[in-house]
Protein backbone atom coordinates (compact mmCIF):
# COMPACT_ATOMS: atom_id res chain seq x y z
CA MET A 1 33.99 32.41 210.15
CA SER A 2 32.91 31.95 206.52
CA TYR A 3 30.73 35.07 206.33
CA THR A 4 30.52 38.63 207.65
CA LYS A 5 27.34 40.70 208.00
CA ALA A 6 27.13 44.50 208.27
CA HIS A 7 24.54 47.23 207.84
CA TYR A 8 25.63 49.89 205.38
CA GLU A 9 25.31 52.70 207.94
CA ASP A 10 27.92 50.88 210.07
CA GLY A 11 30.44 51.42 207.28
CA ASP A 12 33.01 54.19 207.05
CA GLU A 13 31.14 57.33 205.88
CA LYS A 14 33.71 58.81 203.47
CA ALA A 15 31.40 61.67 202.45
CA PRO A 16 27.80 62.54 203.35
CA GLY A 17 25.67 59.55 202.33
CA MET A 18 28.66 57.50 201.03
CA TYR A 19 29.40 54.39 203.10
CA PHE A 20 32.42 52.15 202.42
CA LEU A 21 31.86 48.59 203.61
CA ARG A 22 35.08 46.83 202.60
CA ASP A 23 36.55 46.84 206.12
CA GLU A 24 33.21 46.22 207.85
CA LEU A 25 32.72 43.09 205.74
CA ASP A 26 36.37 41.98 206.00
CA CYS A 27 36.71 41.88 202.20
CA GLU A 28 40.09 40.84 200.84
CA ASN A 29 39.72 42.03 197.22
CA LEU A 30 36.23 43.40 196.74
CA GLY A 31 35.15 46.94 197.54
CA LEU A 32 31.50 47.68 198.34
CA THR A 33 30.04 51.16 198.71
CA VAL A 34 26.47 52.35 199.29
CA VAL A 35 25.71 55.91 198.16
CA ASP A 36 22.42 57.24 199.56
CA VAL A 37 22.02 60.87 198.43
CA ASP A 38 19.55 63.70 198.06
CA ALA A 39 18.45 65.35 194.80
CA ASP A 40 20.90 67.42 192.73
CA TRP A 41 23.96 65.52 193.97
CA SER A 42 27.13 64.79 192.02
CA GLY A 43 30.06 62.70 193.15
CA ARG A 44 33.72 63.33 192.56
CA GLU A 45 35.07 62.71 189.06
CA HIS A 46 37.81 60.07 189.24
CA ASP A 47 39.40 56.99 187.72
CA HIS A 48 41.25 53.95 189.05
CA ALA A 49 43.99 53.75 186.41
CA GLU A 50 46.77 53.31 188.98
CA SER A 51 45.04 50.58 191.00
CA GLY A 52 43.51 48.76 188.03
CA LYS A 53 40.17 48.51 189.86
CA GLU A 54 37.10 48.24 187.64
CA GLU A 55 33.76 49.21 189.18
CA VAL A 56 30.10 48.35 188.69
CA TYR A 57 27.51 51.01 189.48
CA TYR A 58 23.99 49.73 190.25
CA LEU A 59 21.04 52.08 190.80
CA VAL A 60 18.87 50.66 193.58
CA ASP A 61 16.25 53.43 193.53
CA GLY A 62 15.72 57.01 192.47
CA THR A 63 16.98 58.77 189.36
CA GLY A 64 20.64 58.77 188.45
CA SER A 65 23.33 58.75 185.83
CA VAL A 66 27.04 58.19 185.47
CA THR A 67 29.31 60.16 183.16
CA VAL A 68 31.99 57.88 181.70
CA ASP A 69 34.75 59.50 179.64
CA GLY A 70 32.36 62.34 178.78
CA ASP A 71 29.40 60.10 177.87
CA ASP A 72 26.29 60.47 180.05
CA VAL A 73 24.68 57.11 180.82
CA THR A 74 21.16 57.41 182.25
CA LEU A 75 20.29 54.82 184.89
CA GLU A 76 16.89 53.56 185.96
CA PRO A 77 16.38 51.41 189.07
CA GLY A 78 17.78 47.98 188.32
CA ASP A 79 20.35 49.21 185.76
CA ALA A 80 24.03 48.40 186.19
CA VAL A 81 27.06 49.84 184.37
CA ARG A 82 30.61 48.44 184.46
CA VAL A 83 33.37 51.02 184.13
CA ALA A 84 36.94 50.11 183.16
CA ALA A 85 39.70 51.12 185.57
CA ALA A 86 41.27 53.79 183.32
CA SER A 87 37.96 55.49 182.45
CA ARG A 88 36.98 58.77 184.13
CA ARG A 89 33.64 58.49 185.92
CA GLN A 90 31.27 60.66 187.96
CA LEU A 91 27.91 59.75 189.52
CA HIS A 92 24.91 62.11 189.46
CA ALA A 93 21.48 62.01 191.12
CA ALA A 94 18.73 64.25 189.74
CA GLU A 95 16.37 63.08 192.50
CA SER A 96 17.20 61.33 195.75
CA ALA A 97 18.86 58.01 194.90
CA THR A 98 20.61 54.97 196.27
CA PHE A 99 23.53 53.47 194.37
CA LEU A 100 25.46 50.30 195.09
CA ILE A 101 29.07 50.31 193.89
CA THR A 102 31.33 47.28 193.73
CA GLY A 103 34.94 47.24 192.66
CA ALA A 104 37.84 44.85 192.43
CA PRO A 105 41.22 44.62 190.71
C-alpha cells in the first residue's frame, strides 16, 4: 500500500498527552509526534546529538514556547521552529496547547 492512515490517539502514548505515530504510520525515516497538553506543562529537556535527528516543532493551537540552547522562542499558532540535532530543547505550554513534532535524520 502506498499510504497509511492513523488517528493520533491510536499512537503510542509515551507520556500523558504525547502520542508517537511513527510505528502507526509505518514511517521508515520520519518521526511524527502529537503533543496535546494542559496549561503549565513542560516537556523533558533533551537533544538528539547521538542520533543526528533534527526536529521541527509546530504549534497547532494554544500558547507555547520552546527553549533552545537557553533561548526562549515564543510560538503562536501557525509558527514552526527547526531545531538542530545537537541543540538542547524543551517545550512549554502556558495554556493548553497542541504541538506537532516531526523529526528525521
